[in-house]
C-alpha atoms as a PDB file:
ATOM      1  CA  PRO A   1      -0.085  -0.082   0.006  1.00  0.00           C
ATOM      2  CA  GLY A   2       2.706   2.498   0.659  1.00  0.00           C
ATOM      3  CA  LYS A   3       4.550   1.568  -2.481  1.00  0.00           C
ATOM      4  CA  ALA A   4       1.149   2.474  -4.192  1.00  0.00           C
ATOM      5  CA  ASP A   5       0.340   5.713  -2.556  1.00  0.00           C
ATOM      6  CA  ARG A   6       3.907   6.968  -3.517  1.00  0.00           C
ATOM      7  CA  LEU A   7       3.193   6.156  -7.076  1.00  0.00           C
ATOM      8  CA  ALA A   8      -0.150   7.778  -6.889  1.00  0.00           C
ATOM      9  CA  ARG A   9       1.338  10.736  -5.721  1.00  0.00           C
ATOM     10  CA  LEU A  10       4.139  11.091  -7.879  1.00  0.00           C
ATOM     11  CA  GLY A  11       0.709  11.585 -10.482  1.00  0.00           C
ATOM     12  CA  ARG A  12      -0.054  15.138  -9.517  1.00  0.00           C
ATOM     13  CA  ASP A  13       3.299  16.241 -10.385  1.00  0.00           C
ATOM     14  CA  ALA A  14       4.485  13.726 -13.375  1.00  0.00           C
ATOM     15  CA  GLN A  15       2.461  11.793 -16.195  1.00  0.00           C
ATOM     16  CA  VAL A  16       3.079   8.513 -14.503  1.00  0.00           C
ATOM     17  CA  ALA A  17       2.401   5.041 -15.949  1.00  0.00           C
ATOM     18  CA  VAL A  18       2.604   1.675 -14.230  1.00  0.00           C
ATOM     19  CA  ALA A  19       1.846  -1.910 -15.344  1.00  0.00           C
ATOM     20  CA  VAL A  20      -0.302  -4.428 -13.626  1.00  0.00           C
ATOM     21  CA  ASP A  21      -0.930  -8.140 -14.411  1.00  0.00           C
ATOM     22  CA  SER A  22      -4.363  -8.623 -12.433  1.00  0.00           C
ATOM     23  CA  GLN A  23      -7.367  -7.642 -10.599  1.00  0.00           C
ATOM     24  CA  HIS A  24      -5.276  -6.766  -7.633  1.00  0.00           C
ATOM     25  CA  GLY A  25      -2.711  -4.998  -8.720  1.00  0.00           C
ATOM     26  CA  VAL A  26      -5.683  -2.658 -10.528  1.00  0.00           C
ATOM     27  CA  ASP A  27      -7.523  -2.158  -7.256  1.00  0.00           C
ATOM     28  CA  ALA A  28      -4.381  -1.028  -5.106  1.00  0.00           C
ATOM     29  CA  ILE A  29      -3.384   1.669  -7.486  1.00  0.00           C
ATOM     30  CA  ALA A  30      -6.866   2.435  -8.344  1.00  0.00           C
ATOM     31  CA  ASP A  31      -7.538   2.858  -4.401  1.00  0.00           C
ATOM     32  CA  ALA A  32      -4.104   4.924  -4.237  1.00  0.00           C
ATOM     33  CA  ALA A  33      -4.991   7.475  -7.187  1.00  0.00           C
ATOM     34  CA  GLY A  34      -8.267   8.120  -5.557  1.00  0.00           C
ATOM     35  CA  ARG A  35      -6.376   8.947  -2.530  1.00  0.00           C
ATOM     36  CA  ALA A  36      -4.194  10.706  -4.033  1.00  0.00           C
ATOM     37  CA  ARG A  37      -7.488  12.519  -6.238  1.00  0.00           C
ATOM     38  CA  VAL A  38      -4.978  11.957  -9.682  1.00  0.00           C
ATOM     39  CA  ASP A  39      -5.498   9.832 -12.517  1.00  0.00           C
ATOM     40  CA  VAL A  40      -2.570   6.969 -13.302  1.00  0.00           C
ATOM     41  CA  GLY A  41      -1.833   5.518 -16.699  1.00  0.00           C
ATOM     42  CA  VAL A  42      -2.141   1.837 -17.123  1.00  0.00           C
ATOM     43  CA  LEU A  43      -0.144  -0.432 -18.868  1.00  0.00           C
ATOM     44  CA  VAL A  44      -0.915  -4.028 -19.097  1.00  0.00           C
ATOM     45  CA  ASP A  45       1.811  -6.248 -18.228  1.00  0.00           C
ATOM     46  CA  VAL A  46       2.216  -9.336 -20.683  1.00  0.00           C
ATOM     47  CA  ASP A  47       4.792 -12.537 -20.177  1.00  0.00           C
ATOM     48  CA  VAL A  48       6.499 -12.320 -23.265  1.00  0.00           C
ATOM     49  CA  GLY A  49       9.035 -15.175 -22.205  1.00  0.00           C
ATOM     50  CA  LEU A  50      10.918 -14.037 -18.691  1.00  0.00           C
ATOM     51  CA  ALA A  51       8.149 -16.539 -16.790  1.00  0.00           C
ATOM     52  CA  ARG A  52       8.108 -13.541 -14.192  1.00  0.00           C
ATOM     53  CA  CYS A  53       5.305 -11.050 -14.092  1.00  0.00           C
ATOM     54  CA  GLY A  54       2.588 -10.604 -16.982  1.00  0.00           C
ATOM     55  CA  VAL A  55      -0.636 -12.198 -18.555  1.00  0.00           C
ATOM     56  CA  THR A  56      -0.389 -15.237 -20.546  1.00  0.00           C
ATOM     57  CA  GLY A  57      -1.960 -14.089 -23.687  1.00  0.00           C
ATOM     58  CA  PRO A  58      -4.110 -12.272 -25.680  1.00  0.00           C
ATOM     59  CA  ASP A  59      -7.391 -13.309 -24.024  1.00  0.00           C
ATOM     60  CA  GLU A  60      -6.153 -12.412 -20.208  1.00  0.00           C
ATOM     61  CA  ALA A  61      -4.952  -9.035 -21.844  1.00  0.00           C
ATOM     62  CA  VAL A  62      -8.232  -8.053 -23.232  1.00  0.00           C
ATOM     63  CA  ALA A  63     -10.240  -9.151 -20.317  1.00  0.00           C
ATOM     64  CA  LEU A  64      -7.903  -7.479 -18.068  1.00  0.00           C
ATOM     65  CA  GLY A  65      -7.634  -3.984 -20.133  1.00  0.00           C
ATOM     66  CA  ARG A  66     -11.530  -4.328 -19.670  1.00  0.00           C
ATOM     67  CA  ILE A  67     -11.222  -4.188 -16.227  1.00  0.00           C
ATOM     68  CA  VAL A  68      -8.672  -0.764 -15.884  1.00  0.00           C
ATOM     69  CA  ALA A  69     -10.912   0.844 -18.451  1.00  0.00           C
ATOM     70  CA  GLY A  70     -13.678   0.533 -16.381  1.00  0.00           C
ATOM     71  CA  THR A  71     -12.120   1.397 -13.402  1.00  0.00           C
ATOM     72  CA  PRO A  72     -12.344   5.250 -12.205  1.00  0.00           C
ATOM     73  CA  ARG A  73      -8.652   7.336 -11.648  1.00  0.00           C
ATOM     74  CA  LEU A  74      -7.507   4.719 -13.832  1.00  0.00           C
ATOM     75  CA  ARG A  75      -6.719   4.998 -17.766  1.00  0.00           C
ATOM     76  CA  LEU A  76      -5.413   2.418 -19.912  1.00  0.00           C
ATOM     77  CA  ARG A  77      -2.755   3.534 -21.844  1.00  0.00           C
ATOM     78  CA  GLY A  78      -1.294   0.130 -23.705  1.00  0.00           C
ATOM     79  CA  ILE A  79       0.518  -2.661 -23.428  1.00  0.00           C
ATOM     80  CA  MET A  80       3.954  -4.147 -21.964  1.00  0.00           C
ATOM     81  CA  GLY A  81       6.688  -7.166 -21.914  1.00  0.00           C
ATOM     82  CA  TYR A  82       9.744  -7.408 -21.162  1.00  0.00           C
ATOM     83  CA  GLU A  83      12.241  -9.880 -22.184  1.00  0.00           C
ATOM     84  CA  GLY A  84      14.869  -9.954 -19.713  1.00  0.00           C
ATOM     85  CA  ARG A  85      18.703  -9.749 -20.804  1.00  0.00           C
ATOM     86  CA  LEU A  86      19.957 -11.695 -24.080  1.00  0.00           C
ATOM     87  CA  ARG A  87      23.294 -11.575 -23.969  1.00  0.00           C
ATOM     88  CA  ALA A  88      25.052 -11.821 -27.283  1.00  0.00           C
ATOM     89  CA  ALA A  89      26.312 -15.620 -26.562  1.00  0.00           C
ATOM     90  CA  ASN A  90      22.546 -16.167 -25.441  1.00  0.00           C
ATOM     91  CA  ALA A  91      21.512 -19.418 -27.975  1.00  0.00           C
ATOM     92  CA  GLU A  92      17.903 -18.564 -27.367  1.00  0.00           C
ATOM     93  CA  ARG A  93      18.611 -14.532 -28.165  1.00  0.00           C
ATOM     94  CA  GLY A  94      16.836 -15.173 -31.848  1.00  0.00           C
ATOM     95  CA  ARG A  95      13.931 -17.027 -30.464  1.00  0.00           C
ATOM     96  CA  ARG A  96      13.014 -15.061 -27.799  1.00  0.00           C
ATOM     97  CA  ILE A  97      13.430 -11.791 -29.662  1.00  0.00           C
ATOM     98  CA  THR A  98      10.891 -13.637 -31.956  1.00  0.00           C
ATOM     99  CA  GLN A  99       8.259 -14.089 -29.381  1.00  0.00           C
ATOM    100  CA  VAL A 100       8.448 -10.899 -28.162  1.00  0.00           C
ATOM    101  CA  GLU A 101       7.980  -9.372 -31.626  1.00  0.00           C
ATOM    102  CA  THR A 102       4.873 -12.247 -32.093  1.00  0.00           C
ATOM    103  CA  GLY A 103       3.376 -12.412 -28.502  1.00  0.00           C
ATOM    104  CA  LEU A 104       3.217  -8.218 -28.119  1.00  0.00           C
ATOM    105  CA  GLY A 105       1.914  -7.860 -31.595  1.00  0.00           C
ATOM    106  CA  ALA A 106      -1.098 -10.847 -31.161  1.00  0.00           C
ATOM    107  CA  VAL A 107      -1.485  -9.030 -27.522  1.00  0.00           C
ATOM    108  CA  ARG A 108      -1.535  -5.459 -29.462  1.00  0.00           C
ATOM    109  CA  GLN A 109      -4.577  -6.961 -32.293  1.00  0.00           C
ATOM    110  CA  ALA A 110      -6.357  -8.145 -29.464  1.00  0.00           C
ATOM    111  CA  ILE A 111      -6.829  -5.390 -27.784  1.00  0.00           C
ATOM    112  CA  ALA A 112      -7.475  -2.742 -30.967  1.00  0.00           C
ATOM    113  CA  ALA A 113     -10.231  -5.405 -31.753  1.00  0.00           C
ATOM    114  CA  ALA A 114     -11.364  -5.355 -28.476  1.00  0.00           C
ATOM    115  CA  GLY A 115     -11.792  -1.427 -29.210  1.00  0.00           C
ATOM    116  CA  LEU A 116      -9.724  -0.859 -26.071  1.00  0.00           C
ATOM    117  CA  PRO A 117      -6.848   2.045 -26.439  1.00  0.00           C
ATOM    118  CA  CYS A 118      -3.631   1.093 -26.565  1.00  0.00           C
ATOM    119  CA  GLU A 119      -1.077   4.068 -27.683  1.00  0.00           C
ATOM    120  CA  VAL A 120       1.976   2.895 -25.903  1.00  0.00           C
ATOM    121  CA  VAL A 121       3.290  -0.414 -26.508  1.00  0.00           C
ATOM    122  CA  SER A 122       6.528  -0.826 -24.401  1.00  0.00           C
ATOM    123  CA  SER A 123       9.301  -3.304 -24.587  1.00  0.00           C
ATOM    124  CA  GLY A 124      12.795  -3.618 -24.991  1.00  0.00           C
ATOM    125  CA  GLY A 125      16.320  -3.996 -22.340  1.00  0.00           C
ATOM    126  CA  THR A 126      19.635  -2.625 -23.238  1.00  0.00           C
ATOM    127  CA  SER A 127      20.604  -5.540 -24.981  1.00  0.00           C
ATOM    128  CA  THR A 128      17.606  -5.786 -27.649  1.00  0.00           C
ATOM    129  CA  PHE A 129      17.494  -2.018 -27.727  1.00  0.00           C
ATOM    130  CA  LEU A 130      18.413  -2.669 -31.832  1.00  0.00           C
ATOM    131  CA  GLN A 131      15.688  -4.663 -32.151  1.00  0.00           C
ATOM    132  CA  ALA A 132      13.056  -2.715 -30.805  1.00  0.00           C
ATOM    133  CA  VAL A 133      13.994   0.333 -32.255  1.00  0.00           C
ATOM    134  CA  ALA A 134      13.702  -1.478 -35.726  1.00  0.00           C
ATOM    135  CA  ASP A 135      10.478  -2.817 -34.775  1.00  0.00           C
ATOM    136  CA  PRO A 136       7.417  -0.316 -35.788  1.00  0.00           C
ATOM    137  CA  ALA A 137       4.700  -1.708 -33.506  1.00  0.00           C
ATOM    138  CA  ILE A 138       6.940  -0.601 -30.094  1.00  0.00           C
ATOM    139  CA  ASN A 139       7.534   3.002 -29.390  1.00  0.00           C
ATOM    140  CA  GLU A 140       8.568   3.266 -25.739  1.00  0.00           C
ATOM    141  CA  ILE A 141      11.899   1.525 -24.640  1.00  0.00           C
ATOM    142  CA  GLN A 142      12.929   0.366 -21.677  1.00  0.00           C
ATOM    143  CA  ALA A 143      16.487   0.528 -21.543  1.00  0.00           C
ATOM    144  CA  GLY A 144      18.151   1.724 -18.734  1.00  0.00           C
ATOM    145  CA  THR A 145      21.930   0.045 -18.367  1.00  0.00           C
ATOM    146  CA  TYR A 146      22.774   1.888 -21.658  1.00  0.00           C
ATOM    147  CA  ALA A 147      23.416   4.785 -19.909  1.00  0.00           C
ATOM    148  CA  LEU A 148      27.227   3.428 -17.859  1.00  0.00           C
ATOM    149  CA  MET A 149      26.292   0.381 -19.723  1.00  0.00           C
ATOM    150  CA  GLU A 150      28.296  -3.019 -18.616  1.00  0.00           C
ATOM    151  CA  THR A 151      31.084  -4.761 -20.149  1.00  0.00           C
ATOM    152  CA  ASP A 152      28.994  -8.404 -20.594  1.00  0.00           C
ATOM    153  CA  LEU A 153      26.560  -7.172 -23.242  1.00  0.00           C
ATOM    154  CA  SER A 154      29.314  -6.313 -25.509  1.00  0.00           C
ATOM    155  CA  GLY A 155      29.376  -7.958 -29.088  1.00  0.00           C
ATOM    156  CA  LEU A 156      25.995  -6.647 -29.694  1.00  0.00           C
ATOM    157  CA  GLY A 157      26.771  -3.690 -32.092  1.00  0.00           C
ATOM    158  CA  LEU A 158      25.717  -1.025 -29.500  1.00  0.00           C
ATOM    159  CA  PRO A 159      26.135   2.937 -30.029  1.00  0.00           C
ATOM    160  CA  PHE A 160      26.691   2.834 -25.968  1.00  0.00           C
ATOM    161  CA  VAL A 161      29.895   2.395 -24.366  1.00  0.00           C
ATOM    162  CA  PRO A 162      31.059   1.386 -20.785  1.00  0.00           C
ATOM    163  CA  ALA A 163      31.479   4.609 -18.466  1.00  0.00           C
ATOM    164  CA  LEU A 164      31.544   3.560 -14.971  1.00  0.00           C
ATOM    165  CA  THR A 165      34.326   2.757 -12.379  1.00  0.00           C
ATOM    166  CA  VAL A 166      34.679   2.246  -9.021  1.00  0.00           C
ATOM    167  CA  SER A 167      37.832   4.497  -7.463  1.00  0.00           C
ATOM    168  CA  ALA A 168      40.174   2.576  -5.288  1.00  0.00           C
ATOM    169  CA  MET A 169      43.382   3.308  -3.148  1.00  0.00           C
ATOM    170  CA  VAL A 170      46.408   1.506  -2.863  1.00  0.00           C
ATOM    171  CA  ILE A 171      46.828   0.727   0.669  1.00  0.00           C
ATOM    172  CA  SER A 172      49.010  -2.301   0.777  1.00  0.00           C
ATOM    173  CA  ARG A 173      51.795  -3.111  -1.565  1.00  0.00           C
ATOM    174  CA  ARG A 174      54.766  -6.157  -1.544  1.00  0.00           C
ATOM    175  CA  GLY A 175      56.716  -7.470  -4.279  1.00  0.00           C
ATOM    176  CA  SER A 176      53.848  -7.596  -7.474  1.00  0.00           C
ATOM    177  CA  ARG A 177      50.935  -7.517  -5.229  1.00  0.00           C
ATOM    178  CA  VAL A 178      48.722  -4.477  -4.553  1.00  0.00           C
ATOM    179  CA  VAL A 179      45.734  -4.252  -2.472  1.00  0.00           C
ATOM    180  CA  LEU A 180      42.996  -1.871  -2.328  1.00  0.00           C
ATOM    181  CA  ASP A 181      40.902   0.046  -0.328  1.00  0.00           C
ATOM    182  CA  ALA A 182      37.400  -1.478  -2.147  1.00  0.00           C
ATOM    183  CA  GLY A 183      35.674  -4.972  -1.890  1.00  0.00           C
ATOM    184  CA  ARG A 184      32.251  -6.476  -2.346  1.00  0.00           C
ATOM    185  CA  LYS A 185      30.982  -3.822   0.191  1.00  0.00           C
ATOM    186  CA  SER A 186      31.513  -1.450  -2.528  1.00  0.00           C
ATOM    187  CA  ILE A 187      31.089  -3.422  -6.018  1.00  0.00           C
ATOM    188  CA  SER A 188      28.682  -5.795  -7.053  1.00  0.00           C
ATOM    189  CA  CYS A 189      29.840  -9.072  -8.286  1.00  0.00           C
ATOM    190  CA  ASP A 190      26.978 -11.324  -8.907  1.00  0.00           C
ATOM    191  CA  TYR A 191      28.315 -11.048 -12.737  1.00  0.00           C
ATOM    192  CA  GLY A 192      31.979 -11.467 -12.282  1.00  0.00           C
ATOM    193  CA  PRO A 193      35.044  -9.397 -10.293  1.00  0.00           C
ATOM    194  CA  PRO A 194      35.768  -6.069 -11.330  1.00  0.00           C
ATOM    195  CA  THR A 195      37.784  -5.651 -14.342  1.00  0.00           C
ATOM    196  CA  PRO A 196      40.826  -3.274 -13.585  1.00  0.00           C
ATOM    197  CA  LEU A 197      41.307  -0.594 -15.819  1.00  0.00           C
ATOM    198  CA  PRO A 198      45.232  -0.455 -15.866  1.00  0.00           C
ATOM    199  CA  LEU A 199      46.718  -2.560 -18.329  1.00  0.00           C
ATOM    200  CA  GLU A 200      49.905  -3.366 -15.731  1.00  0.00           C
ATOM    201  CA  ALA A 201      47.057  -4.892 -13.153  1.00  0.00           C
ATOM    202  CA  ALA A 202      45.523  -8.109 -12.794  1.00  0.00           C
ATOM    203  CA  LEU A 203      42.828  -9.417  -9.986  1.00  0.00           C
ATOM    204  CA  THR A 204      43.679 -12.289  -8.413  1.00  0.00           C
ATOM    205  CA  ALA A 205      40.842 -11.834  -5.383  1.00  0.00           C
ATOM    206  CA  ILE A 206      38.250  -9.990  -3.770  1.00  0.00           C
ATOM    207  CA  ASN A 207      37.224  -9.962  -0.519  1.00  0.00           C
ATOM    208  CA  GLU A 208      34.856  -7.446   1.501  1.00  0.00           C
ATOM    209  CA  GLU A 209      36.659  -4.880   2.027  1.00  0.00           C
ATOM    210  CA  HIS A 210      39.866  -5.492  -0.110  1.00  0.00           C
ATOM    211  CA  THR A 211      40.542  -5.949  -3.592  1.00  0.00           C
ATOM    212  CA  THR A 212      43.973  -7.856  -4.659  1.00  0.00           C
ATOM    213  CA  LEU A 213      45.744  -7.200  -7.604  1.00  0.00           C
ATOM    214  CA  ARG A 214      49.115  -8.872  -9.389  1.00  0.00           C
ATOM    215  CA  TRP A 215      51.187  -5.796 -10.825  1.00  0.00           C
ATOM    216  CA  ASP A 216      53.137  -5.669 -13.375  1.00  0.00           C
ATOM    217  CA  GLY A 217      55.969  -3.243 -13.605  1.00  0.00           C
ATOM    218  CA  GLU A 218      56.414  -0.677 -11.309  1.00  0.00           C
ATOM    219  CA  LEU A 219      53.905  -1.127  -8.112  1.00  0.00           C
ATOM    220  CA  PRO A 220      51.860   2.477  -8.074  1.00  0.00           C
ATOM    221  CA  GLY A 221      52.097   4.478  -4.978  1.00  0.00           C
ATOM    222  CA  PHE A 222      51.036   4.636  -1.617  1.00  0.00           C
ATOM    223  CA  GLY A 223      47.453   6.682  -2.140  1.00  0.00           C
ATOM    224  CA  ALA A 224      47.322   6.067  -5.809  1.00  0.00           C
ATOM    225  CA  ARG A 225      43.935   5.755  -7.386  1.00  0.00           C
ATOM    226  CA  VAL A 226      43.171   2.514  -9.445  1.00  0.00           C
ATOM    227  CA  GLU A 227      39.981   2.122 -11.290  1.00  0.00           C
ATOM    228  CA  LEU A 228      37.898  -0.608 -11.288  1.00  0.00           C
ATOM    229  CA  ARG A 229      34.897  -1.776 -13.791  1.00  0.00           C
ATOM    230  CA  PRO A 230      32.002  -3.045 -11.948  1.00  0.00           C
ATOM    231  CA  LEU A 231      30.071  -5.756 -14.018  1.00  0.00           C
ATOM    232  CA  HIS A 232      26.883  -4.848 -12.883  1.00  0.00           C
ATOM    233  CA  VAL A 233      26.577  -1.030 -12.618  1.00  0.00           C
ATOM    234  CA  ARG A 234      23.375  -1.459 -11.261  1.00  0.00           C
ATOM    235  CA  LEU A 235      23.737  -3.586  -7.985  1.00  0.00           C
ATOM    236  CA  THR A 236      26.884  -1.305  -7.509  1.00  0.00           C
ATOM    237  CA  PHE A 237      25.246   1.893  -7.811  1.00  0.00           C
ATOM    238  CA  ASN A 238      22.954   0.848  -5.018  1.00  0.00           C
ATOM    239  CA  LEU A 239      26.288   0.507  -2.404  1.00  0.00           C
ATOM    240  CA  HIS A 240      26.540   3.983  -2.919  1.00  0.00           C
ATOM    241  CA  ASP A 241      25.262   7.002  -1.380  1.00  0.00           C
ATOM    242  CA  GLU A 242      26.836   9.491  -4.202  1.00  0.00           C
ATOM    243  CA  VAL A 243      27.922   9.370  -7.449  1.00  0.00           C
ATOM    244  CA  TRP A 244      31.124  11.403  -8.878  1.00  0.00           C
ATOM    245  CA  LEU A 245      30.754  12.987 -12.278  1.00  0.00           C
ATOM    246  CA  ALA A 246      33.698  13.251 -14.457  1.00  0.00           C
ATOM    247  CA  ARG A 247      35.057  14.241 -17.791  1.00  0.00           C
ATOM    248  CA  GLY A 248      38.778  12.905 -17.973  1.00  0.00           C
ATOM    249  CA  ASP A 249      40.676  13.676 -14.901  1.00  0.00           C
ATOM    250  CA  LYS A 250      38.172  16.357 -13.840  1.00  0.00           C
ATOM    251  CA  VAL A 251      35.477  16.296 -11.298  1.00  0.00           C
ATOM    252  CA  ILE A 252      32.765  18.053 -12.408  1.00  0.00           C
ATOM    253  CA  ASP A 253      29.924  17.082 -10.285  1.00  0.00           C
ATOM    254  CA  ARG A 254      28.664  15.218  -7.503  1.00  0.00           C
ATOM    255  CA  LEU A 255      25.451  13.691  -7.068  1.00  0.00           C
ATOM    256  CA  PRO A 256      23.134  11.734  -4.309  1.00  0.00           C
ATOM    257  CA  VAL A 257      22.181   7.756  -5.222  1.00  0.00           C
ATOM    258  CA  THR A 258      18.453   8.748  -4.311  1.00  0.00           C
ATOM    259  CA  ALA A 259      16.996   5.699  -5.058  1.00  0.00           C
ATOM    260  CA  ARG A 260      19.708   3.378  -3.122  1.00  0.00           C
ATOM    261  CA  GLY A 261      17.603   1.075  -0.956  1.00  0.00           C
ATOM    262  CA  ARG A 262      14.491   1.317  -2.674  1.00  0.00           C
ATOM    263  CA  SER A 263      13.086  -1.673  -4.869  1.00  0.00           C
ATOM    264  CA  SER A 264      10.120   0.667  -6.183  1.00  0.00           C
END
């Protein structure tokens, strides 16, 4: 209920749309919109193969769309379907993309045939950005990772480059070993450990508070900064209160990570 109320209050100052896949969701959003005295846009969520949220096909989508259209304070705006992260090496990539196109297309036709509005067809993440752009039926793309990019999305021909690093400090060094003051409490490692950017450095271990590197050549000094590139940008952001914006070696701004710790 708290999340629904927060969402509805946002509708006073912004154009808000929320995905639903059940009568329960419709009722919760409608009740909150009524308390806030705002109208909230709604998209019917369609399961296009991710097996997470969404109605299962055209019949369910039309039935739920009719409920939304007949509910005060809600405005049916269209449909959405998210296919999940499809990397270049995913053997199911082509089939999954086709499943999205055909699944959303069939639902869109059924919604239109039922006389219901469908101004928005929302789909496509960063990994399927190019396919979503090429699909004339999709007019909203849900990509977010593209802004800072992640290296495991290479090989897809995307017009984006990685732009996030965690800047760690050298606090210990012996022989060819260099230890930094950042570890798993600072860098999400669920996609794997971060990549050190200096060509001389190779990661050998990462623990809660430390990252250990093998350094080839002259060691960096105590207090030197070493840039680490996380493989999972989004969860790394959720570990920090602030982000520093830099152009080259010059810091140009410092911003709070206001969404930290919030699931919605």
